[in-house]
Amino acid sequence: MAEGHEIFELGDVVLQSGDVLGNARLAYKTWGTLNDARDNVVVLPTYYTGTHRSNKCYFGPGRAIDPTRHFIIGVNLFGNAVSSSPDNTPAPQDGPRFPNTTFHDNVACQHRLITEKFGIERIALVTGWSMAACQSFQWAAQFPDMVDAILPFCGSARTSPHNIVFLEGVQAALCADGDWNGGDYLAKPVRGLKAFGRVYAGWAFSQAWYREGTFSELGYETFEDMLVDWEADHVDNWDPNNLLHKIWTWQQGDISNNDLYGGDFAAALGAIRAKAIVMPASTDLYFPPEDNAIEVSHMPNAELRVFDTTWGHCVASGNSVPAFHTFFDQAVRDLLEG
């Protein structure tokens, strides 16, 4: 569980689906100070298994995002066990009864936090990894007059069919456990969580990463050692209903799936006014550079900047690849200072 955060009470929130999330709570953490001009705001949403604390690897003193110069707002996704989630919401919306939330729902509530709590009217930068990158695109399309720049890395503006199929696989592995019981389990579905971790590991890194034995840089002697560790991580640290809730959010990702754009994806991309550097990893199996290239081609003020790596999607996870953070910092500086 993440520590050191604050809670923004949203009250009852009407979601895109028409369902109401009762007594919704948005967890957030800030670093730095909002300046007098109120123009030094950087928003860092969270990724699939991340919290605001996980995002601390993307900023720091002397970094391109620096709490001595920027007001950084780390805001947690619904379903991540810190904001309102299946595992921390009381009946009748507990567990599998927790209503589905979209990126649009998340960003609408984040907008409320930023405007109602802090009185902020402009955001200098929205950036983040994976599902946080998806929210960066969402912010720029949902509030195009508010966001000056975005830097989505290893994410997309719309979840691709291939990505959806990958997520179907890990979901099916979890739900095949006889203890799952539709989410109303009496005994934790340990076998399903272990299977979930094993399947996920095959997609998180590239073929070359495994072939070259790069898992040794994470302290594993064999890839089987890593798989066993991933099994334990999912059993010990993740609530199954939370995992599936966020999979649904991820699968529905589409910045045009709302009343503003009516499903016109090209129009939604074209409406993004923010300066953008879209930064995929060359070997990402979830969000390949080819998908981002299509998105950038429809954006009026965007650049595709690919980071060459064998680390696949997990190149941006923590501090495993220092060269990535150098690359990322340069992109941030180009957006904020260039």
C-alpha atoms as a PDB file:
ATOM      1  CA  MET A   1       0.000   0.000   0.000  1.00  0.00           C
ATOM      2  CA  ALA A   2       1.231   3.416  -0.940  1.00  0.00           C
ATOM      3  CA  GLU A   3       1.963   5.855   1.856  1.00  0.00           C
ATOM      4  CA  GLY A   4       2.167   9.608   2.181  1.00  0.00           C
ATOM      5  CA  HIS A   5      -0.753  10.485  -0.046  1.00  0.00           C
ATOM      6  CA  GLU A   6      -3.812  12.684   0.283  1.00  0.00           C
ATOM      7  CA  ILE A   7      -7.427  11.976  -0.651  1.00  0.00           C
ATOM      8  CA  PHE A   8      -9.689  14.166  -2.761  1.00  0.00           C
ATOM      9  CA  GLU A   9     -13.305  13.350  -1.980  1.00  0.00           C
ATOM     10  CA  LEU A  10     -15.278  13.331  -5.231  1.00  0.00           C
ATOM     11  CA  GLY A  11     -18.674  12.385  -3.846  1.00  0.00           C
ATOM     12  CA  ASP A  12     -20.917  10.323  -6.116  1.00  0.00           C
ATOM     13  CA  VAL A  13     -19.477  10.295  -9.648  1.00  0.00           C
ATOM     14  CA  VAL A  14     -21.599   9.579 -12.719  1.00  0.00           C
ATOM     15  CA  LEU A  15     -19.407   7.510 -15.043  1.00  0.00           C
ATOM     16  CA  GLN A  16     -19.422   7.291 -18.844  1.00  0.00           C
ATOM     17  CA  SER A  17     -21.429   4.078 -18.533  1.00  0.00           C
ATOM     18  CA  GLY A  18     -24.167   5.889 -16.635  1.00  0.00           C
ATOM     19  CA  ASP A  19     -23.328   3.954 -13.477  1.00  0.00           C
ATOM     20  CA  VAL A  20     -22.591   5.911 -10.323  1.00  0.00           C
ATOM     21  CA  LEU A  21     -19.424   5.343  -8.307  1.00  0.00           C
ATOM     22  CA  GLY A  22     -20.508   6.172  -4.776  1.00  0.00           C
ATOM     23  CA  ASN A  23     -18.320   8.248  -2.469  1.00  0.00           C
ATOM     24  CA  ALA A  24     -15.464   8.155  -4.959  1.00  0.00           C
ATOM     25  CA  ARG A  25     -11.981   8.924  -3.682  1.00  0.00           C
ATOM     26  CA  LEU A  26      -9.008  10.072  -5.720  1.00  0.00           C
ATOM     27  CA  ALA A  27      -5.599   9.539  -4.098  1.00  0.00           C
ATOM     28  CA  TYR A  28      -2.809  11.931  -5.003  1.00  0.00           C
ATOM     29  CA  LYS A  29       0.564  13.252  -3.901  1.00  0.00           C
ATOM     30  CA  THR A  30       2.287  16.531  -4.727  1.00  0.00           C
ATOM     31  CA  TRP A  31       5.948  17.519  -4.816  1.00  0.00           C
ATOM     32  CA  GLY A  32       7.311  21.029  -5.195  1.00  0.00           C
ATOM     33  CA  THR A  33       5.500  24.354  -5.015  1.00  0.00           C
ATOM     34  CA  LEU A  34       2.955  25.942  -7.322  1.00  0.00           C
ATOM     35  CA  ASN A  35       4.503  29.199  -8.533  1.00  0.00           C
ATOM     36  CA  ASP A  36       2.771  32.577  -8.579  1.00  0.00           C
ATOM     37  CA  ALA A  37       2.077  32.330 -12.315  1.00  0.00           C
ATOM     38  CA  ARG A  38       0.602  28.844 -11.735  1.00  0.00           C
ATOM     39  CA  ASP A  39       2.327  27.644 -14.902  1.00  0.00           C
ATOM     40  CA  ASN A  40       4.803  25.066 -13.542  1.00  0.00           C
ATOM     41  CA  VAL A  41       2.386  22.132 -13.216  1.00  0.00           C
ATOM     42  CA  VAL A  42       3.426  18.624 -14.242  1.00  0.00           C
ATOM     43  CA  VAL A  43       0.828  15.847 -13.972  1.00  0.00           C
ATOM     44  CA  LEU A  44       2.001  12.234 -13.552  1.00  0.00           C
ATOM     45  CA  PRO A  45      -0.840   9.698 -13.696  1.00  0.00           C
ATOM     46  CA  THR A  46      -0.125   6.122 -12.650  1.00  0.00           C
ATOM     47  CA  TYR A  47       0.364   2.934 -14.687  1.00  0.00           C
ATOM     48  CA  TYR A  48      -1.087  -0.593 -14.401  1.00  0.00           C
ATOM     49  CA  THR A  49       0.591  -1.832 -11.219  1.00  0.00           C
ATOM     50  CA  GLY A  50       1.910   1.562 -10.149  1.00  0.00           C
ATOM     51  CA  THR A  51       1.087   4.195  -7.576  1.00  0.00           C
ATOM     52  CA  HIS A  52       2.222   7.794  -7.165  1.00  0.00           C
ATOM     53  CA  ARG A  53       5.304   6.440  -5.381  1.00  0.00           C
ATOM     54  CA  SER A  54       6.273   4.378  -8.421  1.00  0.00           C
ATOM     55  CA  ASN A  55       6.496   7.572 -10.480  1.00  0.00           C
ATOM     56  CA  LYS A  56       9.321   8.984  -8.356  1.00  0.00           C
ATOM     57  CA  CYS A  57      11.866   7.451 -10.754  1.00  0.00           C
ATOM     58  CA  TYR A  58      10.834   9.986 -13.429  1.00  0.00           C
ATOM     59  CA  PHE A  59      11.769  13.155 -11.556  1.00  0.00           C
ATOM     60  CA  GLY A  60      14.117  14.557  -8.936  1.00  0.00           C
ATOM     61  CA  PRO A  61      16.568  17.361  -8.145  1.00  0.00           C
ATOM     62  CA  GLY A  62      18.622  18.134 -11.219  1.00  0.00           C
ATOM     63  CA  ARG A  63      16.298  16.116 -13.461  1.00  0.00           C
ATOM     64  CA  ALA A  64      14.253  17.625 -16.295  1.00  0.00           C
ATOM     65  CA  ILE A  65      11.206  17.355 -14.028  1.00  0.00           C
ATOM     66  CA  ASP A  66      12.484  18.872 -10.818  1.00  0.00           C
ATOM     67  CA  PRO A  67      10.461  19.535  -7.644  1.00  0.00           C
ATOM     68  CA  THR A  68      12.575  22.628  -7.001  1.00  0.00           C
ATOM     69  CA  ARG A  69      11.136  24.121 -10.211  1.00  0.00           C
ATOM     70  CA  HIS A  70       7.907  22.243 -10.884  1.00  0.00           C
ATOM     71  CA  PHE A  71       4.687  21.508  -9.039  1.00  0.00           C
ATOM     72  CA  ILE A  72       4.284  17.793  -9.620  1.00  0.00           C
ATOM     73  CA  ILE A  73       0.941  16.084  -9.095  1.00  0.00           C
ATOM     74  CA  GLY A  74       0.981  12.295  -8.956  1.00  0.00           C
ATOM     75  CA  VAL A  75      -2.574  10.999  -9.258  1.00  0.00           C
ATOM     76  CA  ASN A  76      -3.712   7.393  -8.904  1.00  0.00           C
ATOM     77  CA  LEU A  77      -5.899   5.389 -11.249  1.00  0.00           C
ATOM     78  CA  PHE A  78      -9.173   4.004 -10.040  1.00  0.00           C
ATOM     79  CA  GLY A  79      -8.578   0.355  -9.254  1.00  0.00           C
ATOM     80  CA  ASN A  80      -4.964   0.636  -8.082  1.00  0.00           C
ATOM     81  CA  ALA A  81      -5.789   0.054  -4.380  1.00  0.00           C
ATOM     82  CA  VAL A  82      -5.058   3.684  -3.423  1.00  0.00           C
ATOM     83  CA  SER A  83      -7.821   5.565  -5.226  1.00  0.00           C
ATOM     84  CA  SER A  84     -11.290   3.993  -5.108  1.00  0.00           C
ATOM     85  CA  SER A  85     -10.889   0.326  -6.054  1.00  0.00           C
ATOM     86  CA  PRO A  86     -12.685  -3.011  -5.839  1.00  0.00           C
ATOM     87  CA  ASP A  87     -10.660  -3.993  -2.755  1.00  0.00           C
ATOM     88  CA  ASN A  88     -11.211  -0.800  -0.735  1.00  0.00           C
ATOM     89  CA  THR A  89     -14.812   0.080  -1.579  1.00  0.00           C
ATOM     90  CA  PRO A  90     -17.585  -1.085   0.779  1.00  0.00           C
ATOM     91  CA  ALA A  91     -20.677  -3.015  -0.279  1.00  0.00           C
ATOM     92  CA  PRO A  92     -22.629  -2.805  -2.455  1.00  0.00           C
ATOM     93  CA  GLN A  93     -19.781  -1.804  -4.822  1.00  0.00           C
ATOM     94  CA  ASP A  94     -17.083  -4.059  -3.424  1.00  0.00           C
ATOM     95  CA  GLY A  95     -15.052  -6.626  -5.365  1.00  0.00           C
ATOM     96  CA  PRO A  96     -16.553  -7.607  -8.741  1.00  0.00           C
ATOM     97  CA  ARG A  97     -19.447  -5.173  -8.194  1.00  0.00           C
ATOM     98  CA  PHE A  98     -17.151  -2.155  -8.478  1.00  0.00           C
ATOM     99  CA  PRO A  99     -18.322  -0.207 -11.568  1.00  0.00           C
ATOM    100  CA  ASN A 100     -16.147  -0.091 -14.670  1.00  0.00           C
ATOM    101  CA  THR A 101     -14.187   3.131 -15.165  1.00  0.00           C
ATOM    102  CA  THR A 102     -12.651   4.451 -18.389  1.00  0.00           C
ATOM    103  CA  PHE A 103      -9.649   6.689 -18.960  1.00  0.00           C
ATOM    104  CA  HIS A 104     -12.219   9.408 -19.677  1.00  0.00           C
ATOM    105  CA  ASP A 105     -13.732   8.890 -16.213  1.00  0.00           C
ATOM    106  CA  ASN A 106     -10.293   8.964 -14.587  1.00  0.00           C
ATOM    107  CA  VAL A 107      -9.198  12.142 -16.351  1.00  0.00           C
ATOM    108  CA  ALA A 108     -12.525  13.883 -15.662  1.00  0.00           C
ATOM    109  CA  CYS A 109     -11.979  13.254 -11.946  1.00  0.00           C
ATOM    110  CA  GLN A 110      -8.320  14.262 -12.128  1.00  0.00           C
ATOM    111  CA  HIS A 111      -9.466  17.501 -13.778  1.00  0.00           C
ATOM    112  CA  ARG A 112     -11.759  18.127 -10.836  1.00  0.00           C
ATOM    113  CA  LEU A 113      -8.870  17.616  -8.412  1.00  0.00           C
ATOM    114  CA  ILE A 114      -6.595  19.981 -10.293  1.00  0.00           C
ATOM    115  CA  THR A 115      -9.151  22.736 -10.817  1.00  0.00           C
ATOM    116  CA  GLU A 116     -11.213  22.492  -7.622  1.00  0.00           C
ATOM    117  CA  LYS A 117      -8.469  21.692  -5.139  1.00  0.00           C
ATOM    118  CA  PHE A 118      -5.621  23.771  -6.582  1.00  0.00           C
ATOM    119  CA  GLY A 119      -7.342  26.322  -8.838  1.00  0.00           C
ATOM    120  CA  ILE A 120      -5.022  25.403 -11.709  1.00  0.00           C
ATOM    121  CA  GLU A 121      -6.065  26.484 -15.197  1.00  0.00           C
ATOM    122  CA  ARG A 122      -3.064  25.321 -17.260  1.00  0.00           C
ATOM    123  CA  ILE A 123      -0.847  22.263 -17.185  1.00  0.00           C
ATOM    124  CA  ALA A 124       2.708  22.538 -18.503  1.00  0.00           C
ATOM    125  CA  LEU A 125       3.128  18.797 -19.063  1.00  0.00           C
ATOM    126  CA  VAL A 126       1.309  15.500 -18.677  1.00  0.00           C
ATOM    127  CA  THR A 127       3.573  12.484 -18.937  1.00  0.00           C
ATOM    128  CA  GLY A 128       3.757   8.858 -17.918  1.00  0.00           C
ATOM    129  CA  TRP A 129       4.451   5.250 -18.757  1.00  0.00           C
ATOM    130  CA  SER A 130       2.059   2.635 -20.147  1.00  0.00           C
ATOM    131  CA  MET A 131      -1.483   3.293 -18.848  1.00  0.00           C
ATOM    132  CA  ALA A 132      -0.205   6.688 -17.659  1.00  0.00           C
ATOM    133  CA  ALA A 133       0.842   7.405 -21.244  1.00  0.00           C
ATOM    134  CA  CYS A 134      -2.692   6.535 -22.338  1.00  0.00           C
ATOM    135  CA  GLN A 135      -3.961   9.091 -19.823  1.00  0.00           C
ATOM    136  CA  SER A 136      -1.523  11.676 -21.205  1.00  0.00           C
ATOM    137  CA  PHE A 137      -3.177  11.336 -24.615  1.00  0.00           C
ATOM    138  CA  GLN A 138      -6.568  11.402 -22.908  1.00  0.00           C
ATOM    139  CA  TRP A 139      -5.788  14.638 -21.085  1.00  0.00           C
ATOM    140  CA  ALA A 140      -4.692  16.376 -24.290  1.00  0.00           C
ATOM    141  CA  ALA A 141      -7.809  15.343 -26.196  1.00  0.00           C
ATOM    142  CA  GLN A 142     -10.317  15.768 -23.370  1.00  0.00           C
ATOM    143  CA  PHE A 143      -9.019  19.188 -22.266  1.00  0.00           C
ATOM    144  CA  PRO A 144      -7.123  20.530 -25.304  1.00  0.00           C
ATOM    145  CA  ASP A 145      -7.236  24.144 -24.095  1.00  0.00           C
ATOM    146  CA  MET A 146      -5.613  23.286 -20.767  1.00  0.00           C
ATOM    147  CA  VAL A 147      -2.599  21.125 -21.624  1.00  0.00           C
ATOM    148  CA  ASP A 148       0.547  22.726 -23.065  1.00  0.00           C
ATOM    149  CA  ALA A 149       2.579  19.559 -23.677  1.00  0.00           C
ATOM    150  CA  ILE A 150       2.397  15.781 -23.373  1.00  0.00           C
ATOM    151  CA  LEU A 151       5.087  13.119 -23.328  1.00  0.00           C
ATOM    152  CA  PRO A 152       3.440   9.688 -23.452  1.00  0.00           C
ATOM    153  CA  PHE A 153       5.991   6.871 -23.350  1.00  0.00           C
ATOM    154  CA  CYS A 154       5.205   3.213 -24.065  1.00  0.00           C
ATOM    155  CA  GLY A 155       1.483   3.885 -24.428  1.00  0.00           C
ATOM    156  CA  SER A 156      -1.160   4.754 -27.006  1.00  0.00           C
ATOM    157  CA  ALA A 157      -4.142   6.976 -27.687  1.00  0.00           C
ATOM    158  CA  ARG A 158      -6.244   3.914 -28.513  1.00  0.00           C
ATOM    159  CA  THR A 159      -5.672   0.357 -27.344  1.00  0.00           C
ATOM    160  CA  SER A 160      -4.937  -1.803 -30.377  1.00  0.00           C
ATOM    161  CA  PRO A 161      -6.681  -5.107 -31.150  1.00  0.00           C
ATOM    162  CA  HIS A 162      -3.421  -6.994 -30.548  1.00  0.00           C
ATOM    163  CA  ASN A 163      -3.029  -5.333 -27.140  1.00  0.00           C
ATOM    164  CA  ILE A 164      -6.611  -6.254 -26.261  1.00  0.00           C
ATOM    165  CA  VAL A 165      -5.913  -9.891 -27.180  1.00  0.00           C
ATOM    166  CA  PHE A 166      -2.814  -9.932 -24.952  1.00  0.00           C
ATOM    167  CA  LEU A 167      -4.934  -8.673 -22.061  1.00  0.00           C
ATOM    168  CA  GLU A 168      -7.590 -11.299 -22.776  1.00  0.00           C
ATOM    169  CA  GLY A 169      -4.876 -13.909 -22.295  1.00  0.00           C
ATOM    170  CA  VAL A 170      -3.711 -12.792 -18.859  1.00  0.00           C
ATOM    171  CA  GLN A 171      -7.308 -12.274 -17.762  1.00  0.00           C
ATOM    172  CA  ALA A 172      -8.291 -15.771 -18.894  1.00  0.00           C
ATOM    173  CA  ALA A 173      -5.330 -17.265 -17.027  1.00  0.00           C
ATOM    174  CA  LEU A 174      -6.529 -15.692 -13.777  1.00  0.00           C
ATOM    175  CA  CYS A 175     -10.206 -16.486 -14.221  1.00  0.00           C
ATOM    176  CA  ALA A 176      -9.545 -20.157 -15.072  1.00  0.00           C
ATOM    177  CA  ASP A 177      -8.686 -20.792 -11.425  1.00  0.00           C
ATOM    178  CA  GLY A 178     -11.520 -22.760  -9.841  1.00  0.00           C
ATOM    179  CA  ASP A 179     -11.312 -20.537  -6.757  1.00  0.00           C
ATOM    180  CA  TRP A 180     -12.034 -17.394  -8.770  1.00  0.00           C
ATOM    181  CA  ASN A 181     -15.829 -17.683  -8.456  1.00  0.00           C
ATOM    182  CA  GLY A 182     -16.518 -14.612 -10.575  1.00  0.00           C
ATOM    183  CA  GLY A 183     -14.497 -12.451  -8.219  1.00  0.00           C
ATOM    184  CA  ASP A 184     -16.415 -13.500  -5.097  1.00  0.00           C
ATOM    185  CA  TYR A 185     -13.677 -15.901  -4.051  1.00  0.00           C
ATOM    186  CA  LEU A 186     -13.498 -17.416  -0.584  1.00  0.00           C
ATOM    187  CA  ALA A 187      -9.882 -18.520  -1.040  1.00  0.00           C
ATOM    188  CA  LYS A 188      -7.495 -16.284  -2.968  1.00  0.00           C
ATOM    189  CA  PRO A 189      -7.100 -17.651  -6.521  1.00  0.00           C
ATOM    190  CA  VAL A 190      -3.386 -18.341  -6.089  1.00  0.00           C
ATOM    191  CA  ARG A 191      -3.049 -20.597  -9.130  1.00  0.00           C
ATOM    192  CA  GLY A 192      -4.709 -18.005 -11.315  1.00  0.00           C
ATOM    193  CA  LEU A 193      -2.501 -15.204 -10.022  1.00  0.00           C
ATOM    194  CA  LYS A 194       0.606 -17.298 -10.640  1.00  0.00           C
ATOM    195  CA  ALA A 195      -0.560 -18.050 -14.176  1.00  0.00           C
ATOM    196  CA  PHE A 196      -1.309 -14.356 -14.691  1.00  0.00           C
ATOM    197  CA  GLY A 197       2.268 -13.455 -13.722  1.00  0.00           C
ATOM    198  CA  ARG A 198       3.802 -16.097 -16.000  1.00  0.00           C
ATOM    199  CA  VAL A 199       1.778 -15.080 -19.042  1.00  0.00           C
ATOM    200  CA  TYR A 200       2.463 -11.402 -18.412  1.00  0.00           C
ATOM    201  CA  ALA A 201       6.234 -11.970 -18.284  1.00  0.00           C
ATOM    202  CA  GLY A 202       6.265 -13.213 -21.855  1.00  0.00           C
ATOM    203  CA  TRP A 203       4.968  -9.868 -23.099  1.00  0.00           C
ATOM    204  CA  ALA A 204       6.776  -7.467 -20.799  1.00  0.00           C
ATOM    205  CA  PHE A 205      10.192  -7.864 -22.451  1.00  0.00           C
ATOM    206  CA  SER A 206      11.331  -8.561 -25.997  1.00  0.00           C
ATOM    207  CA  GLN A 207      12.424 -11.815 -27.597  1.00  0.00           C
ATOM    208  CA  ALA A 208      15.995 -10.508 -27.769  1.00  0.00           C
ATOM    209  CA  TRP A 209      15.939  -9.646 -24.061  1.00  0.00           C
ATOM    210  CA  TYR A 210      15.294 -13.279 -23.212  1.00  0.00           C
ATOM    211  CA  ARG A 211      17.590 -14.648 -25.908  1.00  0.00           C
ATOM    212  CA  GLU A 212      20.505 -12.551 -24.661  1.00  0.00           C
ATOM    213  CA  GLY A 213      19.885 -13.448 -21.010  1.00  0.00           C
ATOM    214  CA  THR A 214      19.330  -9.836 -19.967  1.00  0.00           C
ATOM    215  CA  PHE A 215      17.236 -11.061 -17.046  1.00  0.00           C
ATOM    216  CA  SER A 216      20.592 -11.492 -15.295  1.00  0.00           C
ATOM    217  CA  GLU A 217      20.739  -7.690 -14.989  1.00  0.00           C
ATOM    218  CA  LEU A 218      17.706  -7.955 -12.712  1.00  0.00           C
ATOM    219  CA  GLY A 219      19.484 -10.485 -10.523  1.00  0.00           C
ATOM    220  CA  TYR A 220      18.018 -13.691 -11.960  1.00  0.00           C
ATOM    221  CA  GLU A 221      20.194 -16.650 -12.936  1.00  0.00           C
ATOM    222  CA  THR A 222      17.536 -18.073 -15.269  1.00  0.00           C
ATOM    223  CA  PHE A 223      14.292 -16.850 -16.737  1.00  0.00           C
ATOM    224  CA  GLU A 224      12.533 -19.526 -14.638  1.00  0.00           C
ATOM    225  CA  ASP A 225      13.818 -17.742 -11.540  1.00  0.00           C
ATOM    226  CA  MET A 226      12.184 -14.590 -12.826  1.00  0.00           C
ATOM    227  CA  LEU A 227       8.896 -16.351 -13.546  1.00  0.00           C
ATOM    228  CA  VAL A 228       8.759 -17.747 -10.025  1.00  0.00           C
ATOM    229  CA  ASP A 229       9.415 -14.266  -8.636  1.00  0.00           C
ATOM    230  CA  TRP A 230       6.671 -12.786 -10.804  1.00  0.00           C
ATOM    231  CA  GLU A 231       4.300 -15.476  -9.562  1.00  0.00           C
ATOM    232  CA  ALA A 232       5.038 -14.531  -5.960  1.00  0.00           C
ATOM    233  CA  ASP A 233       4.706 -10.819  -6.679  1.00  0.00           C
ATOM    234  CA  HIS A 234       1.215 -11.249  -8.087  1.00  0.00           C
ATOM    235  CA  VAL A 235       0.096 -13.511  -5.265  1.00  0.00           C
ATOM    236  CA  ASP A 236       1.517 -11.310  -2.514  1.00  0.00           C
ATOM    237  CA  ASN A 237       0.866  -7.805  -3.816  1.00  0.00           C
ATOM    238  CA  TRP A 238      -2.129  -7.599  -6.146  1.00  0.00           C
ATOM    239  CA  ASP A 239      -5.838  -7.953  -5.591  1.00  0.00           C
ATOM    240  CA  PRO A 240      -7.404  -9.991  -8.437  1.00  0.00           C
ATOM    241  CA  ASN A 241     -10.460  -7.767  -8.832  1.00  0.00           C
ATOM    242  CA  ASN A 242      -8.224  -4.693  -8.985  1.00  0.00           C
ATOM    243  CA  LEU A 243      -6.124  -6.312 -11.714  1.00  0.00           C
ATOM    244  CA  LEU A 244      -9.180  -7.125 -13.802  1.00  0.00           C
ATOM    245  CA  HIS A 245     -10.752  -3.728 -13.251  1.00  0.00           C
ATOM    246  CA  LYS A 246      -7.698  -1.992 -14.687  1.00  0.00           C
ATOM    247  CA  ILE A 247      -7.515  -4.467 -17.581  1.00  0.00           C
ATOM    248  CA  TRP A 248     -11.026  -3.389 -18.549  1.00  0.00           C
ATOM    249  CA  THR A 249      -9.998   0.270 -18.339  1.00  0.00           C
ATOM    250  CA  TRP A 250      -6.925  -0.438 -20.483  1.00  0.00           C
ATOM    251  CA  GLN A 251      -8.880  -2.406 -23.101  1.00  0.00           C
ATOM    252  CA  GLN A 252     -11.418   0.398 -23.524  1.00  0.00           C
ATOM    253  CA  GLY A 253      -8.710   3.009 -24.125  1.00  0.00           C
ATOM    254  CA  ASP A 254      -9.744   5.328 -26.967  1.00  0.00           C
ATOM    255  CA  ILE A 255      -9.508   9.115 -26.783  1.00  0.00           C
ATOM    256  CA  SER A 256     -12.384   9.419 -29.276  1.00  0.00           C
ATOM    257  CA  ASN A 257     -14.866   7.228 -27.381  1.00  0.00           C
ATOM    258  CA  ASN A 258     -16.918  10.062 -25.926  1.00  0.00           C
ATOM    259  CA  ASP A 259     -19.577  12.591 -26.857  1.00  0.00           C
ATOM    260  CA  LEU A 260     -16.969  15.174 -27.877  1.00  0.00           C
ATOM    261  CA  TYR A 261     -15.534  13.112 -30.747  1.00  0.00           C
ATOM    262  CA  GLY A 262     -18.193  10.459 -31.343  1.00  0.00           C
ATOM    263  CA  GLY A 263     -15.662   7.752 -32.125  1.00  0.00           C
ATOM    264  CA  ASP A 264     -13.772   9.769 -34.773  1.00  0.00           C
ATOM    265  CA  PHE A 265     -10.237   8.807 -33.788  1.00  0.00           C
ATOM    266  CA  ALA A 266      -8.490  10.960 -36.379  1.00  0.00           C
ATOM    267  CA  ALA A 267     -10.534  13.989 -35.314  1.00  0.00           C
ATOM    268  CA  ALA A 268      -9.648  13.410 -31.663  1.00  0.00           C
ATOM    269  CA  LEU A 269      -5.939  13.216 -32.491  1.00  0.00           C
ATOM    270  CA  GLY A 270      -6.222  16.289 -34.703  1.00  0.00           C
ATOM    271  CA  ALA A 271      -7.835  18.243 -31.879  1.00  0.00           C
ATOM    272  CA  ILE A 272      -4.785  17.820 -29.631  1.00  0.00           C
ATOM    273  CA  ARG A 273      -3.193  21.255 -29.430  1.00  0.00           C
ATOM    274  CA  ALA A 274      -0.468  20.312 -26.987  1.00  0.00           C
ATOM    275  CA  LYS A 275       3.081  20.041 -28.189  1.00  0.00           C
ATOM    276  CA  ALA A 276       3.847  16.331 -28.044  1.00  0.00           C
ATOM    277  CA  ILE A 277       6.758  13.949 -28.112  1.00  0.00           C
ATOM    278  CA  VAL A 278       5.430  10.405 -28.360  1.00  0.00           C
ATOM    279  CA  MET A 279       8.106   8.004 -27.152  1.00  0.00           C
ATOM    280  CA  PRO A 280       7.712   4.275 -27.749  1.00  0.00           C
ATOM    281  CA  ALA A 281      10.283   1.582 -27.088  1.00  0.00           C
ATOM    282  CA  SER A 282      11.484  -0.071 -30.288  1.00  0.00           C
ATOM    283  CA  THR A 283      10.642  -3.594 -29.070  1.00  0.00           C
ATOM    284  CA  ASP A 284       7.481  -2.921 -27.036  1.00  0.00           C
ATOM    285  CA  LEU A 285       5.047  -5.785 -27.638  1.00  0.00           C
ATOM    286  CA  TYR A 286       2.064  -3.891 -26.157  1.00  0.00           C
ATOM    287  CA  PHE A 287       2.502  -0.491 -27.787  1.00  0.00           C
ATOM    288  CA  PRO A 288       4.709  -0.874 -30.891  1.00  0.00           C
ATOM    289  CA  PRO A 289       6.182   2.227 -32.570  1.00  0.00           C
ATOM    290  CA  GLU A 290       4.125   1.539 -35.698  1.00  0.00           C
ATOM    291  CA  ASP A 291       0.897   2.249 -33.802  1.00  0.00           C
ATOM    292  CA  ASN A 292       2.310   5.483 -32.388  1.00  0.00           C
ATOM    293  CA  ALA A 293       3.496   6.545 -35.860  1.00  0.00           C
ATOM    294  CA  ILE A 294      -0.090   6.386 -37.100  1.00  0.00           C
ATOM    295  CA  GLU A 295      -1.251   8.467 -34.156  1.00  0.00           C
ATOM    296  CA  VAL A 296       1.464  11.079 -34.595  1.00  0.00           C
ATOM    297  CA  SER A 297       0.584  11.438 -38.278  1.00  0.00           C
ATOM    298  CA  HIS A 298      -2.798  12.841 -37.246  1.00  0.00           C
ATOM    299  CA  MET A 299      -1.500  15.136 -34.497  1.00  0.00           C
ATOM    300  CA  PRO A 300      -0.735  18.748 -35.509  1.00  0.00           C
ATOM    301  CA  ASN A 301       2.250  19.379 -33.238  1.00  0.00           C
ATOM    302  CA  ALA A 302       3.789  15.982 -32.482  1.00  0.00           C
ATOM    303  CA  GLU A 303       7.059  14.142 -32.945  1.00  0.00           C
ATOM    304  CA  LEU A 304       7.697  10.394 -32.819  1.00  0.00           C
ATOM    305  CA  ARG A 305      10.910   9.710 -30.898  1.00  0.00           C
ATOM    306  CA  VAL A 306      11.703   5.992 -30.599  1.00  0.00           C
ATOM    307  CA  PHE A 307      14.014   4.648 -27.899  1.00  0.00           C
ATOM    308  CA  ASP A 308      16.030   1.746 -29.275  1.00  0.00           C
ATOM    309  CA  THR A 309      16.201  -1.109 -26.748  1.00  0.00           C
ATOM    310  CA  THR A 310      15.812  -4.846 -26.218  1.00  0.00           C
ATOM    311  CA  TRP A 311      14.007  -4.257 -22.928  1.00  0.00           C
ATOM    312  CA  GLY A 312      10.588  -4.027 -24.549  1.00  0.00           C
ATOM    313  CA  HIS A 313       7.776  -2.451 -22.588  1.00  0.00           C
ATOM    314  CA  CYS A 314       9.640  -2.647 -19.277  1.00  0.00           C
ATOM    315  CA  VAL A 315      12.446  -0.349 -20.411  1.00  0.00           C
ATOM    316  CA  ALA A 316      10.730   2.414 -18.424  1.00  0.00           C
ATOM    317  CA  SER A 317      10.066   0.388 -15.286  1.00  0.00           C
ATOM    318  CA  GLY A 318      12.003   1.819 -12.358  1.00  0.00           C
ATOM    319  CA  ASN A 319      15.675   2.581 -12.922  1.00  0.00           C
ATOM    320  CA  SER A 320      16.672  -0.602 -14.743  1.00  0.00           C
ATOM    321  CA  VAL A 321      17.835   1.241 -17.874  1.00  0.00           C
ATOM    322  CA  PRO A 322      19.588   4.536 -16.992  1.00  0.00           C
ATOM    323  CA  ALA A 323      19.960   5.434 -20.680  1.00  0.00           C
ATOM    324  CA  PHE A 324      16.197   5.553 -20.984  1.00  0.00           C
ATOM    325  CA  HIS A 325      15.977   8.204 -18.269  1.00  0.00           C
ATOM    326  CA  THR A 326      18.609  10.308 -20.056  1.00  0.00           C
ATOM    327  CA  PHE A 327      16.545  10.010 -23.244  1.00  0.00           C
ATOM    328  CA  PHE A 328      13.367  10.852 -21.354  1.00  0.00           C
ATOM    329  CA  ASP A 329      14.898  13.884 -19.627  1.00  0.00           C
ATOM    330  CA  GLN A 330      16.045  15.289 -22.951  1.00  0.00           C
ATOM    331  CA  ALA A 331      12.543  14.958 -24.360  1.00  0.00           C
ATOM    332  CA  VAL A 332      11.088  16.727 -21.311  1.00  0.00           C
ATOM    333  CA  ARG A 333      13.552  19.570 -21.709  1.00  0.00           C
ATOM    334  CA  ASP A 334      12.741  19.870 -25.402  1.00  0.00           C
ATOM    335  CA  LEU A 335       9.057  20.239 -24.537  1.00  0.00           C
ATOM    336  CA  LEU A 336       9.367  22.540 -21.524  1.00  0.00           C
ATOM    337  CA  GLU A 337      12.383  24.623 -22.490  1.00  0.00           C
ATOM    338  CA  GLY A 338      12.786  24.258 -26.259  1.00  0.00           C
END
